Amino acid sequence: MMNNKTYDVLKWIAILFLPALAKCVEGIFGVWGIPYGPEIADTLGYVSVFLGAILGASAIKYHLDNKKSQK
């Protein structure tokens, strides 16, 4: 089980950092003519969605476990 600090950092990475990095890569690579910018941006987006899904499932399990332990 992960602690709250780890969860918060991973959530920040999934929700804010990776999508922002994806757009930055796509834009900068396009301006400079560096190849594979869209592919790298898409990959970062997919990783962000995957991480968000895993963290969402973890949050649901955490809340369900807490609800059971309070009874």
C-alpha atoms as a PDB file:
ATOM      1  CA  MET A   1       0.000   0.000   0.000  1.00  0.00           C
ATOM      2  CA  MET A   2       1.382   3.416  -0.896  1.00  0.00           C
ATOM      3  CA  ASN A   3       1.443   6.331   1.497  1.00  0.00           C
ATOM      4  CA  ASN A   4      -0.364   9.636   0.907  1.00  0.00           C
ATOM      5  CA  LYS A   5       2.782  11.496  -0.180  1.00  0.00           C
ATOM      6  CA  THR A   6       3.571   8.922  -2.882  1.00  0.00           C
ATOM      7  CA  TYR A   7      -0.032   8.975  -4.080  1.00  0.00           C
ATOM      8  CA  ASP A   8      -0.072  12.784  -4.238  1.00  0.00           C
ATOM      9  CA  VAL A   9       3.194  12.921  -6.212  1.00  0.00           C
ATOM     10  CA  LEU A  10       2.053  10.264  -8.688  1.00  0.00           C
ATOM     11  CA  LYS A  11      -1.311  11.994  -9.068  1.00  0.00           C
ATOM     12  CA  TRP A  12       0.447  15.312  -9.815  1.00  0.00           C
ATOM     13  CA  ILE A  13       2.643  13.577 -12.384  1.00  0.00           C
ATOM     14  CA  ALA A  14      -0.339  11.895 -14.082  1.00  0.00           C
ATOM     15  CA  ILE A  15      -2.696  14.874 -14.063  1.00  0.00           C
ATOM     16  CA  LEU A  16      -0.396  17.840 -14.604  1.00  0.00           C
ATOM     17  CA  PHE A  17       3.225  17.032 -15.429  1.00  0.00           C
ATOM     18  CA  LEU A  18       2.915  14.372 -18.156  1.00  0.00           C
ATOM     19  CA  PRO A  19       0.185  16.144 -20.168  1.00  0.00           C
ATOM     20  CA  ALA A  20       2.107  19.431 -19.970  1.00  0.00           C
ATOM     21  CA  LEU A  21       5.334  17.697 -20.994  1.00  0.00           C
ATOM     22  CA  ALA A  22       3.537  16.017 -23.911  1.00  0.00           C
ATOM     23  CA  LYS A  23       2.310  19.347 -25.284  1.00  0.00           C
ATOM     24  CA  CYS A  24       5.713  20.938 -24.725  1.00  0.00           C
ATOM     25  CA  VAL A  25       7.487  18.137 -26.606  1.00  0.00           C
ATOM     26  CA  GLU A  26       4.973  18.268 -29.441  1.00  0.00           C
ATOM     27  CA  GLY A  27       5.340  22.032 -29.802  1.00  0.00           C
ATOM     28  CA  ILE A  28       9.099  22.313 -29.438  1.00  0.00           C
ATOM     29  CA  PHE A  29       9.812  19.343 -31.678  1.00  0.00           C
ATOM     30  CA  GLY A  30       7.508  20.836 -34.308  1.00  0.00           C
ATOM     31  CA  VAL A  31       9.160  24.251 -34.176  1.00  0.00           C
ATOM     32  CA  TRP A  32      12.666  22.808 -34.460  1.00  0.00           C
ATOM     33  CA  GLY A  33      11.786  20.089 -36.951  1.00  0.00           C
ATOM     34  CA  ILE A  34      12.878  17.305 -34.620  1.00  0.00           C
ATOM     35  CA  PRO A  35      11.347  13.996 -35.710  1.00  0.00           C
ATOM     36  CA  TYR A  36       8.869  11.901 -33.732  1.00  0.00           C
ATOM     37  CA  GLY A  37       7.404  14.788 -31.712  1.00  0.00           C
ATOM     38  CA  PRO A  38       3.773  13.675 -32.096  1.00  0.00           C
ATOM     39  CA  GLU A  39       4.672  10.064 -31.383  1.00  0.00           C
ATOM     40  CA  ILE A  40       6.530  10.970 -28.190  1.00  0.00           C
ATOM     41  CA  ALA A  41       3.706  13.300 -27.126  1.00  0.00           C
ATOM     42  CA  ASP A  42       1.132  10.556 -27.718  1.00  0.00           C
ATOM     43  CA  THR A  43       3.223   8.080 -25.737  1.00  0.00           C
ATOM     44  CA  LEU A  44       3.426  10.498 -22.802  1.00  0.00           C
ATOM     45  CA  GLY A  45      -0.335  10.970 -23.012  1.00  0.00           C
ATOM     46  CA  TYR A  46      -0.945   7.215 -22.952  1.00  0.00           C
ATOM     47  CA  VAL A  47       1.325   6.807 -19.927  1.00  0.00           C
ATOM     48  CA  SER A  48      -0.555   9.630 -18.196  1.00  0.00           C
ATOM     49  CA  VAL A  49      -3.923   7.976 -18.850  1.00  0.00           C
ATOM     50  CA  PHE A  50      -2.625   4.606 -17.642  1.00  0.00           C
ATOM     51  CA  LEU A  51      -1.170   6.104 -14.463  1.00  0.00           C
ATOM     52  CA  GLY A  52      -4.381   8.050 -13.831  1.00  0.00           C
ATOM     53  CA  ALA A  53      -6.456   4.872 -14.194  1.00  0.00           C
ATOM     54  CA  ILE A  54      -4.233   2.935 -11.787  1.00  0.00           C
ATOM     55  CA  LEU A  55      -4.329   5.759  -9.244  1.00  0.00           C
ATOM     56  CA  GLY A  56      -8.102   6.076  -9.615  1.00  0.00           C
ATOM     57  CA  ALA A  57      -8.535   2.357  -8.951  1.00  0.00           C
ATOM     58  CA  SER A  58      -6.215   2.650  -5.962  1.00  0.00           C
ATOM     59  CA  ALA A  59      -8.246   5.564  -4.563  1.00  0.00           C
ATOM     60  CA  ILE A  60     -11.511   3.634  -4.949  1.00  0.00           C
ATOM     61  CA  LYS A  61     -10.045   0.592  -3.167  1.00  0.00           C
ATOM     62  CA  TYR A  62      -8.674   2.815  -0.392  1.00  0.00           C
ATOM     63  CA  HIS A  63     -12.076   4.433   0.204  1.00  0.00           C
ATOM     64  CA  LEU A  64     -13.898   1.089   0.131  1.00  0.00           C
ATOM     65  CA  ASP A  65     -11.424  -0.432   2.608  1.00  0.00           C
ATOM     66  CA  ASN A  66     -11.805   2.555   4.949  1.00  0.00           C
ATOM     67  CA  LYS A  67     -15.582   2.334   4.765  1.00  0.00           C
ATOM     68  CA  LYS A  68     -15.461  -1.380   5.686  1.00  0.00           C
ATOM     69  CA  SER A  69     -13.085  -0.784   8.608  1.00  0.00           C
ATOM     70  CA  GLN A  70     -15.341   1.918  10.062  1.00  0.00           C
ATOM     71  CA  LYS A  71     -18.251  -0.517  10.468  1.00  0.00           C
END
